[in-house]
Each structure stands twice: as structure tokens, then as C-alpha cells.
C-alpha atoms as a PDB file:
ATOM      1  CA  MET A   1      60.856 -83.159   0.774  1.00  0.00           C
ATOM      2  CA  ALA A   2      58.301 -80.655  -0.318  1.00  0.00           C
ATOM      3  CA  THR A   3      56.899 -78.198   2.333  1.00  0.00           C
ATOM      4  CA  THR A   4      53.367 -77.027   2.443  1.00  0.00           C
ATOM      5  CA  GLN A   5      53.029 -73.213   2.584  1.00  0.00           C
ATOM      6  CA  ILE A   6      50.226 -71.903   4.765  1.00  0.00           C
ATOM      7  CA  ALA A   7      48.597 -68.840   3.392  1.00  0.00           C
ATOM      8  CA  PRO A   8      48.243 -65.863   5.602  1.00  0.00           C
ATOM      9  CA  ALA A   9      44.896 -65.477   7.366  1.00  0.00           C
ATOM     10  CA  ALA A  10      44.212 -62.255   5.425  1.00  0.00           C
ATOM     11  CA  GLN A  11      44.481 -64.262   2.138  1.00  0.00           C
ATOM     12  CA  ARG A  12      42.380 -67.289   3.109  1.00  0.00           C
ATOM     13  CA  PRO A  13      38.935 -67.347   1.403  1.00  0.00           C
ATOM     14  CA  LEU A  14      36.046 -66.816   3.749  1.00  0.00           C
ATOM     15  CA  PRO A  15      33.745 -69.830   4.119  1.00  0.00           C
ATOM     16  CA  PRO A  16      30.469 -69.475   2.115  1.00  0.00           C
ATOM     17  CA  ALA A  17      27.580 -67.875   3.926  1.00  0.00           C
ATOM     18  CA  THR A  18      24.926 -70.216   4.989  1.00  0.00           C
ATOM     19  CA  GLY A  19      21.213 -69.398   5.373  1.00  0.00           C
ATOM     20  CA  ARG A  20      19.641 -66.014   4.870  1.00  0.00           C
ATOM     21  CA  ALA A  21      18.680 -63.129   7.215  1.00  0.00           C
ATOM     22  CA  GLY A  22      15.333 -63.781   8.736  1.00  0.00           C
ATOM     23  CA  PHE A  23      12.742 -61.783  10.537  1.00  0.00           C
ATOM     24  CA  GLY A  24      14.579 -61.922  13.828  1.00  0.00           C
ATOM     25  CA  ASP A  25      17.742 -60.523  12.216  1.00  0.00           C
ATOM     26  CA  ALA A  26      15.623 -57.732  10.734  1.00  0.00           C
ATOM     27  CA  LEU A  27      14.138 -56.896  14.052  1.00  0.00           C
ATOM     28  CA  ARG A  28      17.619 -56.587  15.636  1.00  0.00           C
ATOM     29  CA  SER A  29      18.699 -54.381  12.816  1.00  0.00           C
ATOM     30  CA  GLU A  30      15.688 -52.113  13.217  1.00  0.00           C
ATOM     31  CA  PHE A  31      16.203 -51.881  17.009  1.00  0.00           C
ATOM     32  CA  THR A  32      19.779 -50.850  16.400  1.00  0.00           C
ATOM     33  CA  LYS A  33      18.668 -48.198  14.031  1.00  0.00           C
ATOM     34  CA  ILE A  34      16.130 -46.728  16.305  1.00  0.00           C
ATOM     35  CA  LYS A  35      18.443 -46.874  19.264  1.00  0.00           C
ATOM     36  CA  SER A  36      21.228 -45.118  17.383  1.00  0.00           C
ATOM     37  CA  THR A  37      19.060 -42.243  16.296  1.00  0.00           C
ATOM     38  CA  ARG A  38      19.198 -39.364  18.754  1.00  0.00           C
ATOM     39  CA  SER A  39      16.176 -37.586  17.405  1.00  0.00           C
ATOM     40  CA  THR A  40      14.075 -40.610  18.315  1.00  0.00           C
ATOM     41  CA  TYR A  41      14.813 -40.123  22.017  1.00  0.00           C
ATOM     42  CA  TRP A  42      14.042 -36.454  21.887  1.00  0.00           C
ATOM     43  CA  THR A  43      10.789 -37.015  20.070  1.00  0.00           C
ATOM     44  CA  LEU A  44       9.681 -39.688  22.561  1.00  0.00           C
ATOM     45  CA  LEU A  45      10.678 -37.465  25.476  1.00  0.00           C
ATOM     46  CA  ALA A  46       8.693 -34.656  23.856  1.00  0.00           C
ATOM     47  CA  LEU A  47       5.736 -36.979  23.501  1.00  0.00           C
ATOM     48  CA  VAL A  48       5.721 -37.706  27.377  1.00  0.00           C
ATOM     49  CA  VAL A  49       6.394 -34.133  28.277  1.00  0.00           C
ATOM     50  CA  VAL A  50       3.484 -32.893  26.074  1.00  0.00           C
ATOM     51  CA  CYS A  51       1.034 -35.470  27.274  1.00  0.00           C
ATOM     52  CA  VAL A  52       1.860 -34.921  30.948  1.00  0.00           C
ATOM     53  CA  GLY A  53       2.090 -31.170  30.721  1.00  0.00           C
ATOM     54  CA  ILE A  54      -1.117 -30.395  28.832  1.00  0.00           C
ATOM     55  CA  GLY A  55      -2.985 -32.908  30.996  1.00  0.00           C
ATOM     56  CA  ALA A  56      -1.705 -31.185  34.029  1.00  0.00           C
ATOM     57  CA  LEU A  57      -2.730 -27.877  32.787  1.00  0.00           C
ATOM     58  CA  ALA A  58      -6.250 -29.047  31.911  1.00  0.00           C
ATOM     59  CA  CYS A  59      -6.648 -30.598  35.468  1.00  0.00           C
ATOM     60  CA  ALA A  60      -5.222 -27.443  36.957  1.00  0.00           C
ATOM     61  CA  GLY A  61      -7.774 -25.307  35.060  1.00  0.00           C
ATOM     62  CA  THR A  62     -10.565 -27.405  36.290  1.00  0.00           C
ATOM     63  CA  ALA A  63      -9.253 -27.448  39.926  1.00  0.00           C
ATOM     64  CA  SER A  64      -9.062 -23.685  39.911  1.00  0.00           C
ATOM     65  CA  HIS A  65     -12.740 -23.276  38.962  1.00  0.00           C
ATOM     66  CA  PRO A  66     -14.507 -26.293  40.313  1.00  0.00           C
ATOM     67  CA  GLN A  67     -17.864 -24.499  40.527  1.00  0.00           C
ATOM     68  CA  GLY A  68     -20.459 -26.226  38.436  1.00  0.00           C
ATOM     69  CA  VAL A  69     -18.366 -29.324  37.974  1.00  0.00           C
ATOM     70  CA  SER A  70     -20.263 -32.392  38.963  1.00  0.00           C
ATOM     71  CA  SER A  71     -18.214 -35.433  40.041  1.00  0.00           C
ATOM     72  CA  ALA A  72     -21.004 -37.615  38.617  1.00  0.00           C
ATOM     73  CA  ASN A  73     -20.612 -36.362  35.008  1.00  0.00           C
ATOM     74  CA  PHE A  74     -17.047 -35.085  35.018  1.00  0.00           C
ATOM     75  CA  ASP A  75     -14.663 -37.497  33.351  1.00  0.00           C
ATOM     76  CA  ALA A  76     -11.427 -36.973  35.337  1.00  0.00           C
ATOM     77  CA  THR A  77      -9.601 -39.639  33.439  1.00  0.00           C
ATOM     78  CA  GLN A  78     -10.192 -38.048  30.091  1.00  0.00           C
ATOM     79  CA  GLN A  79      -9.288 -34.608  31.490  1.00  0.00           C
ATOM     80  CA  SER A  80      -5.938 -35.860  32.661  1.00  0.00           C
ATOM     81  CA  LEU A  81      -5.377 -37.478  29.236  1.00  0.00           C
ATOM     82  CA  ALA A  82      -6.108 -34.269  27.325  1.00  0.00           C
ATOM     83  CA  GLY A  83      -2.463 -34.086  26.231  1.00  0.00           C
ATOM     84  CA  LEU A  84      -3.153 -36.922  23.805  1.00  0.00           C
ATOM     85  CA  TYR A  85      -4.694 -34.515  21.536  1.00  0.00           C
ATOM     86  CA  VAL A  86      -1.362 -33.020  20.819  1.00  0.00           C
ATOM     87  CA  GLY A  87       0.619 -36.137  21.413  1.00  0.00           C
ATOM     88  CA  GLN A  88      -1.011 -37.788  18.429  1.00  0.00           C
ATOM     89  CA  LEU A  89       0.657 -35.127  16.253  1.00  0.00           C
ATOM     90  CA  VAL A  90       4.076 -35.810  17.861  1.00  0.00           C
ATOM     91  CA  ILE A  91       3.936 -39.610  17.317  1.00  0.00           C
ATOM     92  CA  ALA A  92       2.580 -39.152  13.824  1.00  0.00           C
ATOM     93  CA  ALA A  93       5.684 -37.152  12.895  1.00  0.00           C
ATOM     94  CA  LEU A  94       7.909 -39.943  14.340  1.00  0.00           C
ATOM     95  CA  GLY A  95       5.876 -42.733  12.576  1.00  0.00           C
ATOM     96  CA  ALA A  96       6.354 -40.962   9.202  1.00  0.00           C
ATOM     97  CA  LEU A  97      10.144 -40.409   9.896  1.00  0.00           C
ATOM     98  CA  THR A  98      10.618 -44.096  10.699  1.00  0.00           C
ATOM     99  CA  ILE A  99      10.510 -44.933   7.113  1.00  0.00           C
ATOM    100  CA  THR A 100      10.860 -41.785   5.078  1.00  0.00           C
ATOM    101  CA  SER A 101      14.232 -40.902   6.703  1.00  0.00           C
ATOM    102  CA  GLU A 102      15.855 -43.843   5.056  1.00  0.00           C
ATOM    103  CA  TYR A 103      14.517 -42.729   1.676  1.00  0.00           C
ATOM    104  CA  SER A 104      15.873 -39.211   2.240  1.00  0.00           C
ATOM    105  CA  THR A 105      19.350 -40.550   3.106  1.00  0.00           C
ATOM    106  CA  GLY A 106      19.402 -43.384   0.660  1.00  0.00           C
ATOM    107  CA  MET A 107      19.877 -45.967   3.417  1.00  0.00           C
ATOM    108  CA  ILE A 108      16.891 -47.792   2.232  1.00  0.00           C
ATOM    109  CA  ARG A 109      18.953 -49.286  -0.584  1.00  0.00           C
ATOM    110  CA  THR A 110      21.417 -50.547   1.919  1.00  0.00           C
ATOM    111  CA  SER A 111      18.763 -52.093   4.022  1.00  0.00           C
ATOM    112  CA  LEU A 112      17.316 -53.840   1.098  1.00  0.00           C
ATOM    113  CA  SER A 113      20.608 -55.125  -0.144  1.00  0.00           C
ATOM    114  CA  VAL A 114      21.226 -56.838   3.233  1.00  0.00           C
ATOM    115  CA  GLN A 115      17.655 -58.088   3.456  1.00  0.00           C
ATOM    116  CA  PRO A 116      16.159 -58.216  -0.056  1.00  0.00           C
ATOM    117  CA  ARG A 117      12.725 -59.511   1.148  1.00  0.00           C
ATOM    118  CA  ARG A 118      10.936 -56.266   1.295  1.00  0.00           C
ATOM    119  CA  GLY A 119       8.030 -57.599   3.221  1.00  0.00           C
ATOM    120  CA  VAL A 120      10.338 -58.685   6.097  1.00  0.00           C
ATOM    121  CA  VAL A 121      11.951 -55.216   6.177  1.00  0.00           C
ATOM    122  CA  PHE A 122       8.599 -53.509   6.202  1.00  0.00           C
ATOM    123  CA  ALA A 123       7.163 -55.636   8.844  1.00  0.00           C
ATOM    124  CA  ALA A 124      10.227 -55.379  11.044  1.00  0.00           C
ATOM    125  CA  LYS A 125      10.177 -51.617  10.996  1.00  0.00           C
ATOM    126  CA  ALA A 126       6.516 -51.602  11.803  1.00  0.00           C
ATOM    127  CA  ALA A 127       6.785 -54.102  14.682  1.00  0.00           C
ATOM    128  CA  VAL A 128       9.729 -52.209  16.228  1.00  0.00           C
ATOM    129  CA  PHE A 129       8.020 -48.880  15.876  1.00  0.00           C
ATOM    130  CA  ALA A 130       4.751 -50.130  17.255  1.00  0.00           C
ATOM    131  CA  LEU A 131       6.422 -51.645  20.318  1.00  0.00           C
ATOM    132  CA  VAL A 132       8.406 -48.507  21.050  1.00  0.00           C
ATOM    133  CA  THR A 133       5.353 -46.359  20.661  1.00  0.00           C
ATOM    134  CA  LEU A 134       3.216 -48.607  22.884  1.00  0.00           C
ATOM    135  CA  VAL A 135       5.727 -48.590  25.661  1.00  0.00           C
ATOM    136  CA  THR A 136       6.251 -44.813  25.554  1.00  0.00           C
ATOM    137  CA  GLY A 137       2.427 -44.299  25.263  1.00  0.00           C
ATOM    138  CA  LEU A 138       1.893 -46.354  28.505  1.00  0.00           C
ATOM    139  CA  ILE A 139       4.515 -44.244  30.261  1.00  0.00           C
ATOM    140  CA  ALA A 140       2.937 -41.033  29.008  1.00  0.00           C
ATOM    141  CA  SER A 141      -0.718 -42.191  29.801  1.00  0.00           C
ATOM    142  CA  PHE A 142      -0.051 -43.469  33.282  1.00  0.00           C
ATOM    143  CA  ALA A 143       2.067 -40.468  34.185  1.00  0.00           C
ATOM    144  CA  SER A 144      -0.559 -38.099  32.886  1.00  0.00           C
ATOM    145  CA  PHE A 145      -3.199 -39.854  34.950  1.00  0.00           C
ATOM    146  CA  PHE A 146      -1.385 -39.848  38.126  1.00  0.00           C
ATOM    147  CA  VAL A 147      -0.321 -36.261  37.867  1.00  0.00           C
ATOM    148  CA  GLY A 148      -3.719 -35.179  36.803  1.00  0.00           C
ATOM    149  CA  GLN A 149      -5.533 -37.021  39.636  1.00  0.00           C
ATOM    150  CA  ALA A 150      -3.104 -35.611  42.221  1.00  0.00           C
ATOM    151  CA  ILE A 151      -4.176 -32.185  41.026  1.00  0.00           C
ATOM    152  CA  LEU A 152      -8.004 -32.975  41.032  1.00  0.00           C
ATOM    153  CA  SER A 153      -7.908 -34.816  44.298  1.00  0.00           C
ATOM    154  CA  SER A 154      -7.986 -31.538  46.385  1.00  0.00           C
ATOM    155  CA  HIS A 155     -11.461 -30.879  45.076  1.00  0.00           C
ATOM    156  CA  HIS A 156     -12.644 -34.571  45.261  1.00  0.00           C
ATOM    157  CA  LEU A 157     -12.939 -34.833  41.530  1.00  0.00           C
ATOM    158  CA  SER A 158     -10.224 -37.483  40.991  1.00  0.00           C
ATOM    159  CA  ALA A 159     -10.664 -40.985  39.714  1.00  0.00           C
ATOM    160  CA  THR A 160      -9.151 -44.316  40.710  1.00  0.00           C
ATOM    161  CA  PHE A 161      -8.477 -47.506  38.853  1.00  0.00           C
ATOM    162  CA  GLY A 162     -11.076 -49.205  40.950  1.00  0.00           C
ATOM    163  CA  GLU A 163     -13.732 -47.209  39.087  1.00  0.00           C
ATOM    164  CA  PRO A 164     -15.377 -48.638  35.964  1.00  0.00           C
ATOM    165  CA  ASN A 165     -13.476 -48.136  32.606  1.00  0.00           C
ATOM    166  CA  VAL A 166     -10.705 -46.087  34.151  1.00  0.00           C
ATOM    167  CA  LEU A 167      -7.903 -48.581  33.688  1.00  0.00           C
ATOM    168  CA  ARG A 168      -9.163 -49.268  30.101  1.00  0.00           C
ATOM    169  CA  ALA A 169      -9.145 -45.589  29.309  1.00  0.00           C
ATOM    170  CA  VAL A 170      -5.527 -45.079  30.516  1.00  0.00           C
ATOM    171  CA  ILE A 171      -4.241 -48.215  28.578  1.00  0.00           C
ATOM    172  CA  GLY A 172      -6.481 -47.023  25.697  1.00  0.00           C
ATOM    173  CA  GLY A 173      -4.464 -43.846  25.599  1.00  0.00           C
ATOM    174  CA  ALA A 174      -1.352 -45.793  24.734  1.00  0.00           C
ATOM    175  CA  LEU A 175      -3.202 -47.871  22.067  1.00  0.00           C
ATOM    176  CA  PHE A 176      -4.611 -44.552  20.567  1.00  0.00           C
ATOM    177  CA  LEU A 177      -1.027 -43.140  20.197  1.00  0.00           C
ATOM    178  CA  THR A 178       0.121 -46.491  18.644  1.00  0.00           C
ATOM    179  CA  ALA A 179      -2.605 -46.477  16.089  1.00  0.00           C
ATOM    180  CA  CYS A 180      -1.919 -42.837  15.194  1.00  0.00           C
ATOM    181  CA  GLY A 181       1.715 -43.691  14.733  1.00  0.00           C
ATOM    182  CA  MET A 182       1.122 -46.723  12.618  1.00  0.00           C
ATOM    183  CA  LEU A 183      -1.270 -44.676  10.397  1.00  0.00           C
ATOM    184  CA  ALA A 184       1.618 -42.165   9.817  1.00  0.00           C
ATOM    185  CA  TYR A 185       3.980 -45.038   9.187  1.00  0.00           C
ATOM    186  CA  GLY A 186       1.713 -46.366   6.401  1.00  0.00           C
ATOM    187  CA  LEU A 187       1.339 -42.863   4.865  1.00  0.00           C
ATOM    188  CA  GLY A 188       5.192 -42.498   5.046  1.00  0.00           C
ATOM    189  CA  ALA A 189       5.587 -45.762   3.045  1.00  0.00           C
ATOM    190  CA  ILE A 190       3.074 -44.475   0.396  1.00  0.00           C
ATOM    191  CA  LEU A 191       4.423 -41.009  -0.016  1.00  0.00           C
ATOM    192  CA  ARG A 192       8.181 -41.733   0.814  1.00  0.00           C
ATOM    193  CA  HIS A 193       8.715 -37.947   1.511  1.00  0.00           C
ATOM    194  CA  THR A 194       8.973 -36.734   5.129  1.00  0.00           C
ATOM    195  CA  ALA A 195       7.152 -33.377   4.724  1.00  0.00           C
ATOM    196  CA  ALA A 196       4.402 -34.919   2.670  1.00  0.00           C
ATOM    197  CA  ALA A 197       3.825 -37.788   4.985  1.00  0.00           C
ATOM    198  CA  ILE A 198       3.735 -35.601   8.143  1.00  0.00           C
ATOM    199  CA  THR A 199       1.409 -33.160   6.389  1.00  0.00           C
ATOM    200  CA  ALA A 200      -0.945 -35.978   5.312  1.00  0.00           C
ATOM    201  CA  ALA A 201      -1.054 -37.539   8.773  1.00  0.00           C
ATOM    202  CA  ILE A 202      -1.675 -34.176  10.612  1.00  0.00           C
ATOM    203  CA  GLY A 203      -4.423 -33.331   7.909  1.00  0.00           C
ATOM    204  CA  LEU A 204      -6.104 -36.633   8.449  1.00  0.00           C
ATOM    205  CA  LEU A 205      -5.871 -36.676  12.260  1.00  0.00           C
ATOM    206  CA  PHE A 206      -6.260 -33.051  13.181  1.00  0.00           C
ATOM    207  CA  VAL A 207      -7.243 -30.750  10.300  1.00  0.00           C
ATOM    208  CA  LEU A 208      -9.979 -33.026   9.049  1.00  0.00           C
ATOM    209  CA  THR A 209     -11.327 -33.181  12.487  1.00  0.00           C
ATOM    210  CA  VAL A 210     -11.578 -29.393  12.815  1.00  0.00           C
ATOM    211  CA  LEU A 211     -13.155 -29.062   9.398  1.00  0.00           C
ATOM    212  CA  VAL A 212     -16.001 -31.383  10.242  1.00  0.00           C
ATOM    213  CA  GLN A 213     -17.040 -28.943  13.020  1.00  0.00           C
ATOM    214  CA  PHE A 214     -18.109 -26.442  10.267  1.00  0.00           C
ATOM    215  CA  LEU A 215     -20.639 -28.902   8.772  1.00  0.00           C
ATOM    216  CA  PRO A 216     -24.315 -28.553   9.680  1.00  0.00           C
ATOM    217  CA  GLN A 217     -25.190 -30.295  12.918  1.00  0.00           C
ATOM    218  CA  SER A 218     -27.214 -33.012  11.265  1.00  0.00           C
ATOM    219  CA  TRP A 219     -24.229 -33.838   9.025  1.00  0.00           C
ATOM    220  CA  GLN A 220     -21.744 -33.857  11.883  1.00  0.00           C
ATOM    221  CA  ASP A 221     -23.901 -36.442  13.750  1.00  0.00           C
ATOM    222  CA  ASN A 222     -23.264 -38.905  10.942  1.00  0.00           C
ATOM    223  CA  VAL A 223     -19.710 -37.819   9.781  1.00  0.00           C
ATOM    224  CA  ASP A 224     -17.616 -36.949  12.915  1.00  0.00           C
ATOM    225  CA  LYS A 225     -17.882 -40.491  14.391  1.00  0.00           C
ATOM    226  CA  TRP A 226     -15.979 -41.783  11.342  1.00  0.00           C
ATOM    227  CA  MET A 227     -13.089 -39.346  11.695  1.00  0.00           C
ATOM    228  CA  PRO A 228     -10.073 -41.276  12.718  1.00  0.00           C
ATOM    229  CA  ALA A 229      -8.974 -39.189  15.686  1.00  0.00           C
ATOM    230  CA  LEU A 230     -12.506 -38.437  16.980  1.00  0.00           C
ATOM    231  CA  ALA A 231     -13.489 -42.113  16.708  1.00  0.00           C
ATOM    232  CA  GLY A 232     -10.185 -43.333  18.320  1.00  0.00           C
ATOM    233  CA  SER A 233     -10.364 -40.979  21.240  1.00  0.00           C
ATOM    234  CA  GLN A 234     -13.356 -42.856  22.520  1.00  0.00           C
ATOM    235  CA  ILE A 235     -10.934 -45.484  23.799  1.00  0.00           C
ATOM    236  CA  TRP A 236      -9.602 -43.072  26.494  1.00  0.00           C
ATOM    237  CA  VAL A 237     -12.984 -41.915  27.712  1.00  0.00           C
ATOM    238  CA  SER A 238     -14.107 -43.547  30.978  1.00  0.00           C
ATOM    239  CA  LYS A 239     -17.657 -42.274  31.139  1.00  0.00           C
ATOM    240  CA  ALA A 240     -20.331 -42.694  28.490  1.00  0.00           C
ATOM    241  CA  ALA A 241     -21.395 -39.617  26.637  1.00  0.00           C
ATOM    242  CA  GLY A 242     -24.828 -38.251  27.146  1.00  0.00           C
ATOM    243  CA  ALA A 243     -27.902 -39.241  25.214  1.00  0.00           C
ATOM    244  CA  GLY A 244     -27.436 -36.695  22.432  1.00  0.00           C
ATOM    245  CA  ALA A 245     -23.882 -38.071  21.549  1.00  0.00           C
ATOM    246  CA  HIS A 246     -23.410 -39.811  18.258  1.00  0.00           C
ATOM    247  CA  GLN A 247     -20.038 -41.425  18.773  1.00  0.00           C
ATOM    248  CA  PHE A 248     -19.219 -45.122  18.660  1.00  0.00           C
ATOM    249  CA  PRO A 249     -18.486 -46.832  21.939  1.00  0.00           C
ATOM    250  CA  ALA A 250     -14.909 -47.144  23.207  1.00  0.00           C
ATOM    251  CA  TRP A 251     -13.788 -50.253  21.288  1.00  0.00           C
ATOM    252  CA  GLY A 252     -15.974 -49.506  18.317  1.00  0.00           C
ATOM    253  CA  GLY A 253     -14.385 -46.019  17.862  1.00  0.00           C
ATOM    254  CA  PHE A 254     -10.872 -47.452  18.249  1.00  0.00           C
ATOM    255  CA  ALA A 255     -11.764 -50.023  15.554  1.00  0.00           C
ATOM    256  CA  VAL A 256     -12.474 -47.235  13.254  1.00  0.00           C
ATOM    257  CA  LEU A 257      -9.041 -45.673  13.841  1.00  0.00           C
ATOM    258  CA  ALA A 258      -7.272 -49.007  13.614  1.00  0.00           C
ATOM    259  CA  GLY A 259      -9.221 -49.529  10.332  1.00  0.00           C
ATOM    260  CA  TYR A 260      -7.681 -46.403   8.881  1.00  0.00           C
ATOM    261  CA  ALA A 261      -4.144 -47.502  10.083  1.00  0.00           C
ATOM    262  CA  ALA A 262      -4.610 -50.937   8.592  1.00  0.00           C
ATOM    263  CA  VAL A 263      -5.608 -49.574   5.216  1.00  0.00           C
ATOM    264  CA  ALA A 264      -2.641 -47.220   5.199  1.00  0.00           C
ATOM    265  CA  ILE A 265      -0.237 -49.957   6.219  1.00  0.00           C
ATOM    266  CA  ILE A 266      -1.529 -52.403   3.550  1.00  0.00           C
ATOM    267  CA  ALA A 267      -1.323 -49.719   0.973  1.00  0.00           C
ATOM    268  CA  GLY A 268       2.144 -48.777   2.217  1.00  0.00           C
ATOM    269  CA  LEU A 269       3.379 -52.453   2.068  1.00  0.00           C
ATOM    270  CA  VAL A 270       2.068 -52.692  -1.599  1.00  0.00           C
ATOM    271  CA  CYS A 271       3.956 -49.551  -2.576  1.00  0.00           C
ATOM    272  CA  PHE A 272       7.082 -50.676  -0.643  1.00  0.00           C
ATOM    273  CA  ARG A 273       7.199 -53.973  -2.504  1.00  0.00           C
ATOM    274  CA  THR A 274       6.410 -52.839  -5.888  1.00  0.00           C
ATOM    275  CA  ARG A 275       8.200 -49.502  -6.268  1.00  0.00           C
ATOM    276  CA  ASP A 276      11.919 -49.006  -6.745  1.00  0.00           C
ATOM    277  CA  ALA A 277      13.980 -47.865  -3.775  1.00  0.00           C
END
């Protein structure tokens, strides 16, 4: 009587794979990547420390010289969020690194071999980075606000969430950081080089803002409101500017910054899908 030999488990053929990796799988993969990168934690921690620290220093400076400061015109919320001016540069660097680091290490080819649908990979990276940035930005903005108002309260210059536009301004600080990070993410996809992408992001967000100040005043009135960082910063201002101001209102200014980010992301997606890895 013939006997049937059973092949060892190691020699049995694996069952054929069914289905294909979807957007949810890509999201989990990107979360794993960002959690396993130690530099991400340090950068996000630096973002919070910078925002809270600079905001506290700005409020301490005002509290030490309160003469001439009118509580009616003084924007205590904006003062406590002053660290966002530097925080935007920190998150821009992380936004660029989110995609350029895989090009520098060659891991992008591995990612695309696992998930060949490039649009899914690009969208998953953007979604995970945006979520992480938004959460960290909320922590930084609320912490900056509470620390700053505690410093200003001794001179009765502090603000509360019950006042008009204060809560919007604090949440707006997180939205501002997220938009700056997404702008840098798009530039990273376009340039695919870390130093170049960070330089381009800093140039667009910071250097260009400084250069505009050297234009004649009549030009500044029409140009500076279109600068991404200046326009976007209106979202974390709680008191309307004076009659001579030429900036967009809060959500209008944020829309300008978001428009820059959207253009960069769309251009980055086109480059990501059409160029070789």
C-alpha cells in the first residue's frame, strides 16, 4: 500500500496573495515609519520648546515694561504665540525631510515596490504628516497661550478664551504650522533633495518676507499681504489691525497660505508620479 509523504512546512508553497495594499495599509506603513524615526520626536519636541519659549520671552518682555501698553489695543494672544515665527521654520524642515529622506536613503524604491500606486503613497505620507503636525501644533499653541497669559496676568494684560477670536487664534496657530509643513512637503517632493527643499521653504516663508520690507511703502501695501507667512499669520491674530493695515482678514490670509501649500503639493504629486524613483 502506497504511503503519501507530507512535505515539510518549510517546503510547502505559500498560498497566492489576494487583494492589494490599499490606502489604509499605506497609512499604517507611514505611521510606522514616522514612529520609528528618532529625529522626528526630537524635531517635534524642539517645535514645542521653541514656540513656548519664545512666546514666554515675548510676554515677559512686555510684562517687564508695561508702560504705554493699552489692554484695548494690545493683542495678548498674538504675543504669546510669537514663537510660531520660528516654529514655522522647524516644521518646514520636518516637512521636507518627510519625503526627501527616503530619496536620500533609497528607501523610496522599497516603498514603491510594496505599494506601486504612487498617488496612494504620496497621499498617505501627506495625511500622516499633516495629522502629526496638527496635533503637535495644537499642543504648542495651547501651551504657549497658557504660559504667556500666566506671565501677562500680573499686569492685567492677559486674554481669555471667552474674548472674541481668542480660541480661533490659538487653534489657528496649529493650522498655520500645518500649512507651512505641507508647503515644505510639496517642495520636498518637487526637489527631492533635503538641503534644497529646506532652503526653498525657508526662503519662501522667511527670507521673502524680510525682503519685502525693503520695498517702497506703496508697494509693500500691495505685496506683503500675498506673502505666505505674512498672510497665514493673520489666523493667529485675535484683534483686528488698525485702519492703515493692508492685510487680509484671518481666514482670507490663511487661504493664501493654504493656496501656496496646495500648489506645492499638486506640483509635488505630479513630479512624484511621473519621475523615476
